[in-house]
Amino acid sequence: MNFAHNDTLPYPFVDEIFPDEDGVGYALRMADANALSFHQLATHLASPGHCYLPYTSAPALAFMFGGTPELIARALVRRHFDDGITVADFAEHRFLRPKHLRQLRPQLCPFCLLEHGHARASWSITLMCCCTEHEVCLIDQCACGRSISWRRRSLLVCECGRMFLGSTNSTHPATKGALAICRQIEYLLGKAHFRLQSQLDSDLAVFDDMSVDTFLRLVWALGPSRCERGGCTQHILHAIPTPFEAMLTADQAHNRIRDLLSGRDVASLQLWLPQLISIEEEAVTLPDRRLMSSILARIRPRLPVARRINRNGPIQSSLFEG
């Protein structure tokens, strides 16, 4: 650890991290309360140019600001190698695709920041694109045109000095499908299970036992597309899409999931088979494997009946699935 405790003393304003608070957001909140800049924190705990704080900074943050080290650590992203691939741990969940986490390009709901005073950990999930409380699309850009960064004056204020609440003129209302996806993500992230809020949300209750990583991969696979008169084609998302792009993706994925569960137009989902097969093959938990197998069984195209001759009897038919 680069930071030595004897370089400083515990700061006068201390507080515990909120159960749903992002670890880097906690550091920025407490730095602002103690008249420190994020640049000073990053210089001590990582490097002068760092735009977020690493997992290893948790003990130092706890020493400085009075939080519990274990709780701060779980709210920071830990990237590491596992079986030859880079994975990430965050909020006590394993993410096989670190692109599901937005360390460098935070997004936020300005209404929540003003009302609750802390950045939610769920906002660090790339596809967590909507605020389920205020039902708006999150923002990742200030009204000045800058991308929002952790290296800013405070939680509420951009590097340019503008308050993010002034950026709400560009905030889009959340779509119903994206809201349902985001509520399901919150459900899978949290320890305390709660009943989903509407009939639209309850359509996703079949995924209540799925890991959040597999659910995100399912949404990421089914959502991106470009649909024209000739049909739909796959569309490759940027590694870090804007919240608005992620909202359109989540909304489209929700529509396809509803079609899948209802049996409507299932054949149109065959375009996404390679991604879905990959998700099934990499699934770790038994509920994940069962759900993905069930999804594939619904949309996998059936091959023509193979006819074979039985020398001891009549011609027999057998049906094979792709």
C-alpha atoms as a PDB file:
ATOM      1  CA  MET A   1       0.000   0.000   0.000  1.00  0.00           C
ATOM      2  CA  ASN A   2       1.440   3.378  -1.005  1.00  0.00           C
ATOM      3  CA  PHE A   3      -0.259   5.303   1.782  1.00  0.00           C
ATOM      4  CA  ALA A   4       1.400   5.261   5.215  1.00  0.00           C
ATOM      5  CA  HIS A   5      -0.816   5.939   8.227  1.00  0.00           C
ATOM      6  CA  ASN A   6       1.883   8.110   9.821  1.00  0.00           C
ATOM      7  CA  ASP A   7       1.565  10.572   6.923  1.00  0.00           C
ATOM      8  CA  THR A   8      -1.694  11.866   8.368  1.00  0.00           C
ATOM      9  CA  LEU A   9      -4.083  11.595  11.278  1.00  0.00           C
ATOM     10  CA  PRO A  10      -7.740  10.609  11.232  1.00  0.00           C
ATOM     11  CA  TYR A  11      -9.714  13.543   9.898  1.00  0.00           C
ATOM     12  CA  PRO A  12     -12.199  15.452  12.061  1.00  0.00           C
ATOM     13  CA  PHE A  13     -15.319  14.646  10.037  1.00  0.00           C
ATOM     14  CA  VAL A  14     -15.849  10.880  10.026  1.00  0.00           C
ATOM     15  CA  ASP A  15     -18.741   8.721   8.926  1.00  0.00           C
ATOM     16  CA  GLU A  16     -19.581   5.132   8.061  1.00  0.00           C
ATOM     17  CA  ILE A  17     -20.125   4.154   4.456  1.00  0.00           C
ATOM     18  CA  PHE A  18     -23.810   3.700   3.570  1.00  0.00           C
ATOM     19  CA  PRO A  19     -24.899   0.121   2.765  1.00  0.00           C
ATOM     20  CA  ASP A  20     -25.715   1.093  -0.842  1.00  0.00           C
ATOM     21  CA  GLU A  21     -22.866   3.597  -1.298  1.00  0.00           C
ATOM     22  CA  ASP A  22     -20.097   3.372  -3.885  1.00  0.00           C
ATOM     23  CA  GLY A  23     -16.609   3.146  -2.382  1.00  0.00           C
ATOM     24  CA  VAL A  24     -15.086   5.872  -4.566  1.00  0.00           C
ATOM     25  CA  GLY A  25     -18.160   8.001  -3.949  1.00  0.00           C
ATOM     26  CA  TYR A  26     -17.644   7.545  -0.196  1.00  0.00           C
ATOM     27  CA  ALA A  27     -14.047   8.731  -0.547  1.00  0.00           C
ATOM     28  CA  LEU A  28     -15.145  11.825  -2.500  1.00  0.00           C
ATOM     29  CA  ARG A  29     -17.943  12.582  -0.014  1.00  0.00           C
ATOM     30  CA  MET A  30     -15.579  12.384   2.965  1.00  0.00           C
ATOM     31  CA  ALA A  31     -12.770  14.254   1.227  1.00  0.00           C
ATOM     32  CA  ASP A  32     -15.169  17.115   0.495  1.00  0.00           C
ATOM     33  CA  ALA A  33     -16.349  17.142   4.124  1.00  0.00           C
ATOM     34  CA  ASN A  34     -12.721  17.441   5.272  1.00  0.00           C
ATOM     35  CA  ALA A  35     -11.643  20.067   2.707  1.00  0.00           C
ATOM     36  CA  LEU A  36      -9.508  17.622   0.732  1.00  0.00           C
ATOM     37  CA  SER A  37      -9.451  17.290  -3.028  1.00  0.00           C
ATOM     38  CA  PHE A  38      -9.808  14.023  -4.905  1.00  0.00           C
ATOM     39  CA  HIS A  39      -6.414  14.790  -6.463  1.00  0.00           C
ATOM     40  CA  GLN A  40      -4.829  14.711  -3.006  1.00  0.00           C
ATOM     41  CA  LEU A  41      -6.494  11.386  -2.210  1.00  0.00           C
ATOM     42  CA  ALA A  42      -5.467   9.843  -5.513  1.00  0.00           C
ATOM     43  CA  THR A  43      -1.893  11.080  -5.145  1.00  0.00           C
ATOM     44  CA  HIS A  44      -1.541   9.390  -1.748  1.00  0.00           C
ATOM     45  CA  LEU A  45      -3.535   6.233  -2.437  1.00  0.00           C
ATOM     46  CA  ALA A  46      -2.782   5.500  -6.107  1.00  0.00           C
ATOM     47  CA  SER A  47      -1.041   8.030  -8.380  1.00  0.00           C
ATOM     48  CA  PRO A  48      -1.490  11.743  -9.183  1.00  0.00           C
ATOM     49  CA  GLY A  49      -3.348  10.967 -12.418  1.00  0.00           C
ATOM     50  CA  HIS A  50      -5.666   8.261 -11.083  1.00  0.00           C
ATOM     51  CA  CYS A  51      -9.369   8.845 -11.845  1.00  0.00           C
ATOM     52  CA  TYR A  52     -10.638   6.307  -9.285  1.00  0.00           C
ATOM     53  CA  LEU A  53      -9.337   4.639  -6.129  1.00  0.00           C
ATOM     54  CA  PRO A  54      -8.109   1.045  -6.126  1.00  0.00           C
ATOM     55  CA  TYR A  55      -9.344  -1.753  -3.901  1.00  0.00           C
ATOM     56  CA  THR A  56      -6.106  -1.601  -1.888  1.00  0.00           C
ATOM     57  CA  SER A  57      -6.978   1.881  -0.602  1.00  0.00           C
ATOM     58  CA  ALA A  58      -9.776   0.579   1.658  1.00  0.00           C
ATOM     59  CA  PRO A  59      -7.684   0.344   4.899  1.00  0.00           C
ATOM     60  CA  ALA A  60      -6.326   3.867   4.444  1.00  0.00           C
ATOM     61  CA  LEU A  61      -9.793   5.297   3.727  1.00  0.00           C
ATOM     62  CA  ALA A  62     -11.121   3.597   6.850  1.00  0.00           C
ATOM     63  CA  PHE A  63      -8.251   5.029   8.917  1.00  0.00           C
ATOM     64  CA  MET A  64      -8.795   8.535   7.582  1.00  0.00           C
ATOM     65  CA  PHE A  65     -12.588   8.731   7.606  1.00  0.00           C
ATOM     66  CA  GLY A  66     -13.769   6.271  10.255  1.00  0.00           C
ATOM     67  CA  GLY A  67     -15.514   3.697   8.070  1.00  0.00           C
ATOM     68  CA  THR A  68     -15.322  -0.089   8.415  1.00  0.00           C
ATOM     69  CA  PRO A  69     -12.508  -1.436   6.188  1.00  0.00           C
ATOM     70  CA  GLU A  70     -14.464  -4.509   5.079  1.00  0.00           C
ATOM     71  CA  LEU A  71     -17.513  -2.458   4.091  1.00  0.00           C
ATOM     72  CA  ILE A  72     -15.411   0.037   2.144  1.00  0.00           C
ATOM     73  CA  ALA A  73     -13.510  -2.784   0.423  1.00  0.00           C
ATOM     74  CA  ARG A  74     -16.705  -4.484  -0.802  1.00  0.00           C
ATOM     75  CA  ALA A  75     -17.785  -1.160  -2.362  1.00  0.00           C
ATOM     76  CA  LEU A  76     -14.563  -0.835  -4.385  1.00  0.00           C
ATOM     77  CA  VAL A  77     -13.869  -2.764  -7.587  1.00  0.00           C
ATOM     78  CA  ARG A  78     -11.229  -5.482  -7.246  1.00  0.00           C
ATOM     79  CA  ARG A  79      -9.846  -6.698 -10.570  1.00  0.00           C
ATOM     80  CA  HIS A  80      -7.745  -9.853 -10.610  1.00  0.00           C
ATOM     81  CA  PHE A  81      -6.896 -12.916 -12.663  1.00  0.00           C
ATOM     82  CA  ASP A  82      -8.932 -16.070 -12.215  1.00  0.00           C
ATOM     83  CA  ASP A  83      -8.192 -19.126 -14.348  1.00  0.00           C
ATOM     84  CA  GLY A  84      -6.348 -17.032 -16.913  1.00  0.00           C
ATOM     85  CA  ILE A  85      -8.968 -14.284 -17.386  1.00  0.00           C
ATOM     86  CA  THR A  86      -9.486 -10.887 -15.787  1.00  0.00           C
ATOM     87  CA  VAL A  87     -12.518 -10.793 -13.513  1.00  0.00           C
ATOM     88  CA  ALA A  88     -13.857  -8.195 -11.102  1.00  0.00           C
ATOM     89  CA  ASP A  89     -15.364  -8.428  -7.621  1.00  0.00           C
ATOM     90  CA  PHE A  90     -17.751  -5.705  -6.526  1.00  0.00           C
ATOM     91  CA  ALA A  91     -20.488  -5.507  -3.887  1.00  0.00           C
ATOM     92  CA  GLU A  92     -19.852  -9.189  -3.024  1.00  0.00           C
ATOM     93  CA  HIS A  93     -20.532 -10.307  -6.602  1.00  0.00           C
ATOM     94  CA  ARG A  94     -18.200 -11.756  -9.232  1.00  0.00           C
ATOM     95  CA  PHE A  95     -18.231 -10.201 -12.724  1.00  0.00           C
ATOM     96  CA  LEU A  96     -16.719 -12.276 -15.522  1.00  0.00           C
ATOM     97  CA  ARG A  97     -16.884  -9.245 -17.816  1.00  0.00           C
ATOM     98  CA  PRO A  98     -15.252  -6.225 -16.104  1.00  0.00           C
ATOM     99  CA  LYS A  99     -16.835  -4.010 -18.804  1.00  0.00           C
ATOM    100  CA  HIS A 100     -20.038  -4.376 -16.790  1.00  0.00           C
ATOM    101  CA  LEU A 101     -18.500  -1.899 -14.301  1.00  0.00           C
ATOM    102  CA  ARG A 102     -17.941   1.827 -14.892  1.00  0.00           C
ATOM    103  CA  GLN A 103     -14.843   2.726 -12.869  1.00  0.00           C
ATOM    104  CA  LEU A 104     -13.587   5.487 -15.144  1.00  0.00           C
ATOM    105  CA  ARG A 105     -16.863   6.974 -16.378  1.00  0.00           C
ATOM    106  CA  PRO A 106     -19.254   7.318 -13.422  1.00  0.00           C
ATOM    107  CA  GLN A 107     -22.936   7.962 -14.014  1.00  0.00           C
ATOM    108  CA  LEU A 108     -25.387   9.462 -11.546  1.00  0.00           C
ATOM    109  CA  CYS A 109     -28.865  10.679 -10.755  1.00  0.00           C
ATOM    110  CA  PRO A 110     -28.586  14.361  -9.743  1.00  0.00           C
ATOM    111  CA  PHE A 111     -31.895  14.168  -7.844  1.00  0.00           C
ATOM    112  CA  CYS A 112     -30.591  11.309  -5.678  1.00  0.00           C
ATOM    113  CA  LEU A 113     -27.327  13.130  -4.968  1.00  0.00           C
ATOM    114  CA  LEU A 114     -29.239  16.190  -3.810  1.00  0.00           C
ATOM    115  CA  GLU A 115     -31.763  14.246  -1.713  1.00  0.00           C
ATOM    116  CA  HIS A 116     -29.577  11.467  -0.261  1.00  0.00           C
ATOM    117  CA  GLY A 117     -26.086  12.941  -0.378  1.00  0.00           C
ATOM    118  CA  HIS A 118     -24.184   9.880  -1.576  1.00  0.00           C
ATOM    119  CA  ALA A 119     -23.415   8.008  -4.788  1.00  0.00           C
ATOM    120  CA  ARG A 120     -25.099   4.624  -5.080  1.00  0.00           C
ATOM    121  CA  ALA A 121     -22.968   1.558  -5.722  1.00  0.00           C
ATOM    122  CA  SER A 122     -25.500   0.318  -8.286  1.00  0.00           C
ATOM    123  CA  TRP A 123     -24.607   3.269 -10.537  1.00  0.00           C
ATOM    124  CA  SER A 124     -21.236   1.608 -11.153  1.00  0.00           C
ATOM    125  CA  ILE A 125     -23.048  -1.144 -13.095  1.00  0.00           C
ATOM    126  CA  THR A 126     -22.908  -0.221 -16.797  1.00  0.00           C
ATOM    127  CA  LEU A 127     -26.461  -1.410 -17.556  1.00  0.00           C
ATOM    128  CA  MET A 128     -27.869   0.202 -14.409  1.00  0.00           C
ATOM    129  CA  CYS A 129     -28.858   3.109 -16.637  1.00  0.00           C
ATOM    130  CA  CYS A 130     -31.985   4.430 -14.865  1.00  0.00           C
ATOM    131  CA  CYS A 131     -32.849   5.755 -11.441  1.00  0.00           C
ATOM    132  CA  THR A 132     -35.652   3.517 -10.203  1.00  0.00           C
ATOM    133  CA  GLU A 133     -36.667   6.106  -7.603  1.00  0.00           C
ATOM    134  CA  HIS A 134     -37.046   9.135  -9.884  1.00  0.00           C
ATOM    135  CA  GLU A 135     -37.617   7.117 -13.088  1.00  0.00           C
ATOM    136  CA  VAL A 136     -35.143   9.060 -15.206  1.00  0.00           C
ATOM    137  CA  CYS A 137     -32.141   8.029 -17.262  1.00  0.00           C
ATOM    138  CA  LEU A 138     -28.864   8.567 -15.417  1.00  0.00           C
ATOM    139  CA  ILE A 139     -26.369  11.111 -16.748  1.00  0.00           C
ATOM    140  CA  ASP A 140     -22.632  10.752 -17.395  1.00  0.00           C
ATOM    141  CA  GLN A 141     -22.041  14.230 -18.792  1.00  0.00           C
ATOM    142  CA  CYS A 142     -22.258  17.710 -17.313  1.00  0.00           C
ATOM    143  CA  ALA A 143     -24.093  20.562 -19.022  1.00  0.00           C
ATOM    144  CA  CYS A 144     -20.648  21.966 -19.856  1.00  0.00           C
ATOM    145  CA  GLY A 145     -19.995  18.964 -22.106  1.00  0.00           C
ATOM    146  CA  ARG A 146     -17.424  17.272 -19.864  1.00  0.00           C
ATOM    147  CA  SER A 147     -17.742  13.611 -19.067  1.00  0.00           C
ATOM    148  CA  ILE A 148     -18.455  13.211 -15.353  1.00  0.00           C
ATOM    149  CA  SER A 149     -15.366  12.127 -13.411  1.00  0.00           C
ATOM    150  CA  TRP A 150     -14.609  11.206  -9.830  1.00  0.00           C
ATOM    151  CA  ARG A 151     -11.899  13.888  -9.999  1.00  0.00           C
ATOM    152  CA  ARG A 152     -14.295  16.736  -9.313  1.00  0.00           C
ATOM    153  CA  ARG A 153     -14.960  19.363  -6.669  1.00  0.00           C
ATOM    154  CA  SER A 154     -17.648  17.457  -4.827  1.00  0.00           C
ATOM    155  CA  LEU A 155     -20.365  14.888  -5.385  1.00  0.00           C
ATOM    156  CA  LEU A 156     -22.770  17.593  -6.548  1.00  0.00           C
ATOM    157  CA  VAL A 157     -20.414  19.783  -8.573  1.00  0.00           C
ATOM    158  CA  CYS A 158     -18.572  19.200 -11.864  1.00  0.00           C
ATOM    159  CA  GLU A 159     -14.934  20.151 -12.460  1.00  0.00           C
ATOM    160  CA  CYS A 160     -16.280  23.226 -14.264  1.00  0.00           C
ATOM    161  CA  GLY A 161     -18.087  24.432 -11.139  1.00  0.00           C
ATOM    162  CA  ARG A 162     -21.636  23.698 -12.333  1.00  0.00           C
ATOM    163  CA  MET A 163     -24.011  21.720 -10.158  1.00  0.00           C
ATOM    164  CA  PHE A 164     -25.198  18.522 -11.821  1.00  0.00           C
ATOM    165  CA  LEU A 165     -28.785  19.417 -11.013  1.00  0.00           C
ATOM    166  CA  GLY A 166     -28.435  21.992 -13.768  1.00  0.00           C
ATOM    167  CA  SER A 167     -27.828  19.130 -16.200  1.00  0.00           C
ATOM    168  CA  THR A 168     -31.332  17.741 -15.738  1.00  0.00           C
ATOM    169  CA  ASN A 169     -32.567  19.596 -18.809  1.00  0.00           C
ATOM    170  CA  SER A 170     -30.884  16.799 -20.766  1.00  0.00           C
ATOM    171  CA  THR A 171     -32.215  14.003 -18.538  1.00  0.00           C
ATOM    172  CA  HIS A 172     -34.502  11.602 -20.390  1.00  0.00           C
ATOM    173  CA  PRO A 173     -37.519   9.894 -18.822  1.00  0.00           C
ATOM    174  CA  ALA A 174     -36.786   6.211 -18.251  1.00  0.00           C
ATOM    175  CA  THR A 175     -38.514   3.694 -20.483  1.00  0.00           C
ATOM    176  CA  LYS A 176     -40.696   1.073 -18.789  1.00  0.00           C
ATOM    177  CA  GLY A 177     -38.642  -1.851 -20.043  1.00  0.00           C
ATOM    178  CA  ALA A 178     -35.328  -0.333 -18.908  1.00  0.00           C
ATOM    179  CA  LEU A 179     -36.827   0.450 -15.494  1.00  0.00           C
ATOM    180  CA  ALA A 180     -37.862  -3.197 -15.118  1.00  0.00           C
ATOM    181  CA  ILE A 181     -34.334  -4.332 -16.013  1.00  0.00           C
ATOM    182  CA  CYS A 182     -32.781  -1.862 -13.552  1.00  0.00           C
ATOM    183  CA  ARG A 183     -35.118  -2.920 -10.736  1.00  0.00           C
ATOM    184  CA  GLN A 184     -34.149  -6.530 -11.366  1.00  0.00           C
ATOM    185  CA  ILE A 185     -30.449  -5.579 -11.218  1.00  0.00           C
ATOM    186  CA  GLU A 186     -31.039  -3.869  -7.868  1.00  0.00           C
ATOM    187  CA  TYR A 187     -32.891  -6.950  -6.656  1.00  0.00           C
ATOM    188  CA  LEU A 188     -29.997  -9.220  -7.618  1.00  0.00           C
ATOM    189  CA  LEU A 189     -27.410  -6.874  -6.093  1.00  0.00           C
ATOM    190  CA  GLY A 190     -29.107  -6.530  -2.718  1.00  0.00           C
ATOM    191  CA  LYS A 191     -29.099  -8.908   0.207  1.00  0.00           C
ATOM    192  CA  ALA A 192     -32.675  -8.177   1.309  1.00  0.00           C
ATOM    193  CA  HIS A 193     -35.103  -9.556  -1.264  1.00  0.00           C
ATOM    194  CA  PHE A 194     -38.148  -7.418  -1.887  1.00  0.00           C
ATOM    195  CA  ARG A 195     -41.150  -7.928  -4.119  1.00  0.00           C
ATOM    196  CA  LEU A 196     -40.923  -6.131  -7.427  1.00  0.00           C
ATOM    197  CA  GLN A 197     -43.144  -3.122  -7.801  1.00  0.00           C
ATOM    198  CA  SER A 198     -45.400  -3.751 -10.770  1.00  0.00           C
ATOM    199  CA  GLN A 199     -46.747  -6.430 -13.057  1.00  0.00           C
ATOM    200  CA  LEU A 200     -44.236  -5.319 -15.684  1.00  0.00           C
ATOM    201  CA  ASP A 201     -41.358  -5.913 -13.240  1.00  0.00           C
ATOM    202  CA  SER A 202     -42.736  -9.254 -12.092  1.00  0.00           C
ATOM    203  CA  ASP A 203     -42.245 -10.575 -15.632  1.00  0.00           C
ATOM    204  CA  LEU A 204     -38.581 -10.891 -14.669  1.00  0.00           C
ATOM    205  CA  ALA A 205     -39.185 -12.811 -11.432  1.00  0.00           C
ATOM    206  CA  VAL A 206     -38.083 -15.994 -13.211  1.00  0.00           C
ATOM    207  CA  PHE A 207     -34.534 -14.577 -12.972  1.00  0.00           C
ATOM    208  CA  ASP A 208     -34.645 -14.024  -9.197  1.00  0.00           C
ATOM    209  CA  ASP A 209     -32.156 -16.866  -8.563  1.00  0.00           C
ATOM    210  CA  MET A 210     -29.811 -15.912 -11.402  1.00  0.00           C
ATOM    211  CA  SER A 211     -26.445 -14.301 -10.617  1.00  0.00           C
ATOM    212  CA  VAL A 212     -26.257 -10.605 -11.421  1.00  0.00           C
ATOM    213  CA  ASP A 213     -23.317 -11.253 -13.773  1.00  0.00           C
ATOM    214  CA  THR A 214     -25.238 -13.766 -15.902  1.00  0.00           C
ATOM    215  CA  PHE A 215     -28.333 -11.545 -15.961  1.00  0.00           C
ATOM    216  CA  LEU A 216     -26.238  -8.607 -17.168  1.00  0.00           C
ATOM    217  CA  ARG A 217     -24.658 -10.764 -19.859  1.00  0.00           C
ATOM    218  CA  LEU A 218     -28.117 -11.899 -20.973  1.00  0.00           C
ATOM    219  CA  VAL A 219     -29.333  -8.301 -21.271  1.00  0.00           C
ATOM    220  CA  TRP A 220     -26.095  -7.287 -23.007  1.00  0.00           C
ATOM    221  CA  ALA A 221     -26.548 -10.139 -25.504  1.00  0.00           C
ATOM    222  CA  LEU A 222     -30.238  -9.598 -26.317  1.00  0.00           C
ATOM    223  CA  GLY A 223     -30.364  -5.814 -26.286  1.00  0.00           C
ATOM    224  CA  PRO A 224     -28.073  -4.373 -28.947  1.00  0.00           C
ATOM    225  CA  SER A 225     -29.543  -4.391 -32.441  1.00  0.00           C
ATOM    226  CA  ARG A 226     -30.380  -2.235 -35.423  1.00  0.00           C
ATOM    227  CA  CYS A 227     -33.843  -2.933 -36.792  1.00  0.00           C
ATOM    228  CA  GLU A 228     -34.874  -1.831 -40.265  1.00  0.00           C
ATOM    229  CA  ARG A 229     -37.507  -2.959 -42.725  1.00  0.00           C
ATOM    230  CA  GLY A 230     -35.390  -5.901 -43.792  1.00  0.00           C
ATOM    231  CA  GLY A 231     -35.137  -7.184 -40.209  1.00  0.00           C
ATOM    232  CA  CYS A 232     -32.800  -6.853 -37.232  1.00  0.00           C
ATOM    233  CA  THR A 233     -29.025  -7.049 -37.227  1.00  0.00           C
ATOM    234  CA  GLN A 234     -26.678  -7.204 -34.274  1.00  0.00           C
ATOM    235  CA  HIS A 235     -25.150  -3.944 -33.110  1.00  0.00           C
ATOM    236  CA  ILE A 236     -21.878  -3.828 -31.188  1.00  0.00           C
ATOM    237  CA  LEU A 237     -22.089  -1.540 -28.170  1.00  0.00           C
ATOM    238  CA  HIS A 238     -19.193   0.596 -27.059  1.00  0.00           C
ATOM    239  CA  ALA A 239     -17.329  -0.856 -24.078  1.00  0.00           C
ATOM    240  CA  ILE A 240     -18.786   1.984 -22.000  1.00  0.00           C
ATOM    241  CA  PRO A 241     -22.068   3.084 -23.618  1.00  0.00           C
ATOM    242  CA  THR A 242     -23.761   6.292 -22.568  1.00  0.00           C
ATOM    243  CA  PRO A 243     -26.624   5.821 -20.095  1.00  0.00           C
ATOM    244  CA  PHE A 244     -29.079   6.674 -22.896  1.00  0.00           C
ATOM    245  CA  GLU A 245     -27.576   3.984 -25.168  1.00  0.00           C
ATOM    246  CA  ALA A 246     -27.671   1.527 -22.267  1.00  0.00           C
ATOM    247  CA  MET A 247     -31.323   2.436 -21.613  1.00  0.00           C
ATOM    248  CA  LEU A 248     -32.300   1.679 -25.213  1.00  0.00           C
ATOM    249  CA  THR A 249     -30.376  -1.598 -24.980  1.00  0.00           C
ATOM    250  CA  ALA A 250     -32.071  -2.596 -21.715  1.00  0.00           C
ATOM    251  CA  ASP A 251     -35.495  -1.670 -23.105  1.00  0.00           C
ATOM    252  CA  GLN A 252     -34.958  -3.784 -26.228  1.00  0.00           C
ATOM    253  CA  ALA A 253     -33.658  -6.689 -24.119  1.00  0.00           C
ATOM    254  CA  HIS A 254     -36.754  -6.497 -21.933  1.00  0.00           C
ATOM    255  CA  ASN A 255     -39.004  -6.691 -24.988  1.00  0.00           C
ATOM    256  CA  ARG A 256     -37.158  -9.771 -26.244  1.00  0.00           C
ATOM    257  CA  ILE A 257     -37.234 -11.429 -22.826  1.00  0.00           C
ATOM    258  CA  ARG A 258     -41.020 -10.921 -22.686  1.00  0.00           C
ATOM    259  CA  ASP A 259     -41.349 -12.434 -26.164  1.00  0.00           C
ATOM    260  CA  LEU A 260     -39.220 -15.349 -25.033  1.00  0.00           C
ATOM    261  CA  LEU A 261     -41.256 -15.999 -21.892  1.00  0.00           C
ATOM    262  CA  SER A 262     -44.560 -15.695 -23.744  1.00  0.00           C
ATOM    263  CA  GLY A 263     -43.441 -17.778 -26.733  1.00  0.00           C
ATOM    264  CA  ARG A 264     -44.093 -14.945 -29.214  1.00  0.00           C
ATOM    265  CA  ASP A 265     -41.759 -14.607 -32.205  1.00  0.00           C
ATOM    266  CA  VAL A 266     -39.120 -16.834 -30.614  1.00  0.00           C
ATOM    267  CA  ALA A 267     -37.548 -17.688 -33.982  1.00  0.00           C
ATOM    268  CA  SER A 268     -36.361 -14.079 -34.367  1.00  0.00           C
ATOM    269  CA  LEU A 269     -34.034 -14.592 -31.388  1.00  0.00           C
ATOM    270  CA  GLN A 270     -31.936 -17.169 -33.224  1.00  0.00           C
ATOM    271  CA  LEU A 271     -29.588 -14.362 -34.291  1.00  0.00           C
ATOM    272  CA  TRP A 272     -28.378 -14.160 -30.690  1.00  0.00           C
ATOM    273  CA  LEU A 273     -27.705 -17.883 -30.251  1.00  0.00           C
ATOM    274  CA  PRO A 274     -23.868 -17.695 -30.291  1.00  0.00           C
ATOM    275  CA  GLN A 275     -23.824 -15.202 -27.396  1.00  0.00           C
ATOM    276  CA  LEU A 276     -26.436 -17.149 -25.438  1.00  0.00           C
ATOM    277  CA  ILE A 277     -24.559 -20.424 -25.907  1.00  0.00           C
ATOM    278  CA  SER A 278     -21.401 -18.716 -24.640  1.00  0.00           C
ATOM    279  CA  ILE A 279     -23.238 -17.503 -21.532  1.00  0.00           C
ATOM    280  CA  GLU A 280     -24.536 -21.014 -20.830  1.00  0.00           C
ATOM    281  CA  GLU A 281     -21.084 -22.557 -21.246  1.00  0.00           C
ATOM    282  CA  GLU A 282     -19.511 -20.091 -18.815  1.00  0.00           C
ATOM    283  CA  ALA A 283     -22.314 -20.230 -16.232  1.00  0.00           C
ATOM    284  CA  VAL A 284     -21.021 -21.144 -12.791  1.00  0.00           C
ATOM    285  CA  THR A 285     -24.129 -21.681 -10.675  1.00  0.00           C
ATOM    286  CA  LEU A 286     -26.758 -24.369 -11.169  1.00  0.00           C
ATOM    287  CA  PRO A 287     -29.679 -21.854 -11.446  1.00  0.00           C
ATOM    288  CA  ASP A 288     -27.747 -19.968 -14.139  1.00  0.00           C
ATOM    289  CA  ARG A 289     -27.135 -23.128 -16.145  1.00  0.00           C
ATOM    290  CA  ARG A 290     -30.746 -24.282 -15.833  1.00  0.00           C
ATOM    291  CA  LEU A 291     -32.185 -20.940 -16.916  1.00  0.00           C
ATOM    292  CA  MET A 292     -29.817 -20.555 -19.849  1.00  0.00           C
ATOM    293  CA  SER A 293     -30.505 -24.137 -20.953  1.00  0.00           C
ATOM    294  CA  SER A 294     -34.230 -23.416 -20.816  1.00  0.00           C
ATOM    295  CA  ILE A 295     -33.794 -20.239 -22.881  1.00  0.00           C
ATOM    296  CA  LEU A 296     -31.729 -22.048 -25.491  1.00  0.00           C
ATOM    297  CA  ALA A 297     -34.254 -24.890 -25.687  1.00  0.00           C
ATOM    298  CA  ARG A 298     -36.960 -22.367 -26.567  1.00  0.00           C
ATOM    299  CA  ILE A 299     -35.140 -20.596 -29.395  1.00  0.00           C
ATOM    300  CA  ARG A 300     -32.613 -23.093 -30.726  1.00  0.00           C
ATOM    301  CA  PRO A 301     -33.579 -23.986 -34.308  1.00  0.00           C
ATOM    302  CA  ARG A 302     -34.555 -27.589 -34.902  1.00  0.00           C
ATOM    303  CA  LEU A 303     -32.637 -29.463 -37.553  1.00  0.00           C
ATOM    304  CA  PRO A 304     -34.454 -31.506 -40.200  1.00  0.00           C
ATOM    305  CA  VAL A 305     -35.581 -34.960 -39.140  1.00  0.00           C
ATOM    306  CA  ALA A 306     -32.817 -37.465 -39.817  1.00  0.00           C
ATOM    307  CA  ARG A 307     -33.977 -40.703 -41.374  1.00  0.00           C
ATOM    308  CA  ARG A 308     -32.029 -43.852 -40.782  1.00  0.00           C
ATOM    309  CA  ILE A 309     -32.594 -47.458 -41.775  1.00  0.00           C
ATOM    310  CA  ASN A 310     -32.877 -50.130 -39.147  1.00  0.00           C
ATOM    311  CA  ARG A 311     -31.871 -53.426 -40.697  1.00  0.00           C
ATOM    312  CA  ASN A 312     -34.074 -55.316 -38.274  1.00  0.00           C
ATOM    313  CA  GLY A 313     -37.184 -53.231 -38.764  1.00  0.00           C
ATOM    314  CA  PRO A 314     -38.865 -50.332 -40.512  1.00  0.00           C
ATOM    315  CA  ILE A 315     -37.403 -46.882 -41.132  1.00  0.00           C
ATOM    316  CA  GLN A 316     -37.138 -44.853 -37.906  1.00  0.00           C
ATOM    317  CA  SER A 317     -37.038 -41.097 -37.399  1.00  0.00           C
ATOM    318  CA  SER A 318     -35.110 -39.185 -34.764  1.00  0.00           C
ATOM    319  CA  LEU A 319     -35.210 -35.471 -33.981  1.00  0.00           C
ATOM    320  CA  PHE A 320     -32.010 -33.640 -33.132  1.00  0.00           C
ATOM    321  CA  GLU A 321     -31.676 -30.149 -31.742  1.00  0.00           C
ATOM    322  CA  GLY A 322     -28.888 -27.859 -32.844  1.00  0.00           C
END
